[in-house]
Protein backbone atom coordinates (compact mmCIF):
# COMPACT_ATOMS: atom_id res chain seq x y z
CA MET A 1 -40.84 14.78 41.46
CA SER A 2 -41.31 11.35 42.59
CA ARG A 3 -38.54 9.03 43.24
CA ALA A 4 -39.90 6.54 40.66
CA PHE A 5 -39.43 9.23 37.65
CA VAL A 6 -35.67 9.79 38.76
CA LYS A 7 -35.35 5.81 38.82
CA GLU A 8 -37.00 5.45 35.45
CA GLY A 9 -34.88 8.13 33.94
CA ALA A 10 -31.63 6.72 34.96
CA GLU A 11 -32.74 3.34 33.43
CA ASN A 12 -33.55 4.93 30.18
CA ASP A 13 -30.14 6.89 30.32
CA ALA A 14 -28.43 3.40 30.59
CA LEU A 15 -30.39 2.16 27.69
CA ASP A 16 -29.92 5.03 25.72
CA SER A 17 -26.14 4.70 26.00
CA LEU A 18 -25.77 0.97 24.96
CA PRO A 19 -23.97 1.58 22.05
CA ASP A 20 -23.85 -0.87 18.83
CA ARG A 21 -21.08 -2.93 18.79
CA PRO A 22 -18.34 -1.81 16.24
CA ILE A 23 -18.23 -4.05 13.17
CA SER A 24 -14.85 -4.51 11.39
CA PRO A 25 -14.13 -2.84 8.24
CA HIS A 26 -12.48 -5.77 6.76
CA ARG A 27 -14.03 -8.44 4.76
CA ASN A 28 -15.74 -11.01 7.05
CA LEU A 29 -13.80 -14.16 6.01
CA VAL A 30 -14.98 -17.15 7.93
CA THR A 31 -14.16 -21.07 7.96
CA ARG A 32 -17.10 -23.63 7.90
CA ARG A 33 -16.30 -23.79 11.87
CA GLY A 34 -16.51 -19.93 12.12
CA LEU A 35 -19.62 -19.93 10.16
CA GLY A 36 -21.43 -22.38 12.50
CA LEU A 37 -20.25 -20.38 15.50
CA ILE A 38 -21.63 -17.21 14.13
CA GLU A 39 -25.15 -19.21 13.39
CA ALA A 40 -25.10 -20.42 17.07
CA LYS A 41 -24.54 -16.88 18.52
CA VAL A 42 -27.67 -15.62 16.28
CA GLY A 43 -29.59 -18.40 17.92
CA ALA A 44 -28.52 -17.85 21.43
CA TYR A 45 -29.31 -14.17 21.39
CA GLN A 46 -32.68 -14.75 19.81
CA ALA A 47 -33.40 -17.09 22.64
CA GLU A 48 -32.05 -14.76 25.19
CA LEU A 49 -34.22 -11.87 23.45
CA SER A 50 -37.21 -13.86 23.76
CA THR A 51 -36.72 -14.68 27.41
CA ALA A 52 -35.78 -11.08 28.30
CA THR A 53 -39.08 -9.91 26.55
CA ALA A 54 -41.12 -12.41 28.09
CA ALA A 55 -39.56 -11.18 31.58
CA GLY A 56 -40.15 -7.54 30.60
CA ASP A 57 -36.58 -6.94 31.41
CA ARG A 58 -35.62 -3.71 29.41
CA LEU A 59 -31.94 -3.80 30.00
CA ALA A 60 -31.81 -7.22 28.96
CA ILE A 61 -33.76 -6.62 25.91
CA ALA A 62 -31.33 -3.98 24.89
CA ARG A 63 -28.51 -6.08 25.69
CA ALA A 64 -29.83 -8.99 23.74
CA SER A 65 -30.94 -6.79 20.95
CA ARG A 66 -27.34 -5.30 20.40
CA GLU A 67 -25.79 -8.51 20.43
CA LEU A 68 -28.40 -9.88 17.98
CA ARG A 69 -27.94 -6.91 15.60
CA TYR A 70 -24.05 -7.46 15.78
CA TRP A 71 -24.09 -11.28 15.03
CA SER A 72 -26.76 -10.96 12.67
CA ALA A 73 -24.75 -8.32 10.67
CA ARG A 74 -21.85 -10.67 10.78
CA LEU A 75 -23.94 -13.47 9.71
CA ALA A 76 -25.27 -11.60 6.83
CA SER A 77 -21.65 -10.37 5.66
CA ALA A 78 -20.01 -13.70 6.10
CA GLU A 79 -17.89 -15.11 3.02
CA LEU A 80 -16.94 -18.72 3.54
CA ALA A 81 -13.55 -19.64 2.38
CA GLU A 82 -11.79 -22.80 2.62
CA PRO A 83 -8.51 -23.84 2.15
CA ASP A 84 -7.51 -25.74 -0.91
CA ALA A 85 -4.17 -27.49 -1.91
CA ALA A 86 -2.50 -24.17 -2.55
CA GLU A 87 1.42 -24.06 -2.47
CA GLN A 88 1.47 -21.25 -0.05
CA VAL A 89 -0.42 -20.26 3.05
CA VAL A 90 -4.08 -19.15 2.66
CA PHE A 91 -6.80 -18.54 4.93
CA GLY A 92 -8.04 -21.44 6.98
CA MET A 93 -4.87 -23.36 7.06
CA ALA A 94 -2.97 -24.55 9.89
CA VAL A 95 0.54 -23.36 9.64
CA THR A 96 3.61 -24.73 11.78
CA VAL A 97 6.54 -22.59 12.27
CA LEU A 98 9.99 -22.77 13.82
CA PRO A 99 11.29 -19.76 15.73
CA ALA A 100 14.90 -19.32 16.71
CA ASP A 101 14.17 -21.31 19.89
CA GLY A 102 13.57 -24.43 17.65
CA ARG A 103 9.96 -25.15 19.35
CA ALA A 104 7.49 -25.51 16.85
CA VAL A 105 4.24 -23.65 16.83
CA THR A 106 1.13 -24.17 15.22
CA TYR A 107 -1.36 -21.55 14.04
CA ARG A 108 -4.83 -21.68 12.04
CA ILE A 109 -5.65 -18.70 9.93
CA VAL A 110 -9.39 -17.81 10.59
CA GLY A 111 -11.91 -15.30 10.79
CA GLU A 112 -11.87 -12.33 13.10
CA ASP A 113 -15.05 -13.72 15.06
CA GLU A 114 -13.42 -17.30 15.60
CA ALA A 115 -9.85 -16.06 16.50
CA ASP A 116 -8.70 -17.53 19.98
CA PRO A 117 -4.78 -17.07 20.27
CA SER A 118 -4.86 -19.44 23.51
CA GLN A 119 -5.84 -22.14 20.97
CA GLY A 120 -3.59 -21.23 18.02
CA ARG A 121 -6.33 -19.47 16.13
CA ILE A 122 -5.42 -16.45 14.85
CA ALA A 123 -7.57 -13.80 12.76
CA TRP A 124 -6.37 -13.27 9.14
CA THR A 125 -6.20 -9.66 10.24
CA ALA A 126 -3.69 -10.08 12.89
CA PRO A 127 0.10 -8.88 12.35
CA VAL A 128 1.19 -12.63 12.78
CA ALA A 129 -1.38 -13.98 10.10
CA GLN A 130 -0.51 -11.14 7.74
CA ALA A 131 3.26 -12.41 7.82
CA LEU A 132 2.39 -15.67 7.26
CA LEU A 133 -0.22 -15.29 4.47
CA GLY A 134 1.59 -16.20 1.08
CA ALA A 135 4.44 -18.23 2.49
CA GLU A 136 5.89 -21.40 1.20
CA PRO A 137 7.40 -24.07 3.23
CA GLY A 138 11.18 -23.38 3.88
CA GLU A 139 10.67 -19.72 3.69
CA GLU A 140 11.76 -17.48 6.56
CA ARG A 141 9.18 -14.74 7.60
CA ARG A 142 9.54 -12.19 10.16
CA LEU A 143 7.01 -11.95 13.12
CA PRO A 144 6.57 -9.12 15.65
CA THR A 145 8.39 -11.76 18.13
CA GLY A 146 11.33 -12.40 15.86
CA PRO A 147 12.00 -14.32 12.41
CA ILE A 148 10.76 -17.86 11.93
CA GLU A 149 10.74 -20.68 9.13
CA ILE A 150 7.74 -22.02 7.75
CA GLU A 151 7.96 -25.63 8.28
CA ALA A 152 4.62 -26.99 6.98
CA PHE A 153 0.85 -26.23 6.63
CA ASP A 154 -2.11 -28.24 6.45
CA PRO A 155 -5.04 -27.16 4.42
CA THR A 156 -7.54 -29.79 6.08
CA PRO A 157 -10.21 -27.78 7.45
CA GLU A 158 -11.08 -27.91 11.14
CA PRO A 159 -14.37 -29.77 11.73
CA ALA A 160 -17.47 -27.44 11.66
CA GLY A 161 -19.08 -28.74 14.83
């Protein structure tokens, strides 16, 4: 058996073992901003797949195809939900809370794919978001880090771009 066949087999094994990304079992609620981010991902992976195909790079084709399948599925299942002038915390709102230390913290409750805790964006499925949903100003809730008071919330959506 020549070395070329061994190498090709190893590459085929790598391609065969590239599993699809798991899709969340939860509803795919998205903000307008989140929908734009998903659309951008689909476009980026379509371009990446085209480049990889032109180059004949099988591993890059497999990776781009996997990502494109994931993001296309997320786009197909996206449910745009925008906050309204609700009397309680709902998806898409920015919520300012006061923990025991008195330093106000603001979270925006967003879709799973646009969550970025370092920017204060938390997925609606996260424990913190679940504790905040349905709360009213002045109400106390318990987060995994301790008790907080809901100071205020803002239903103004983030800009899509």
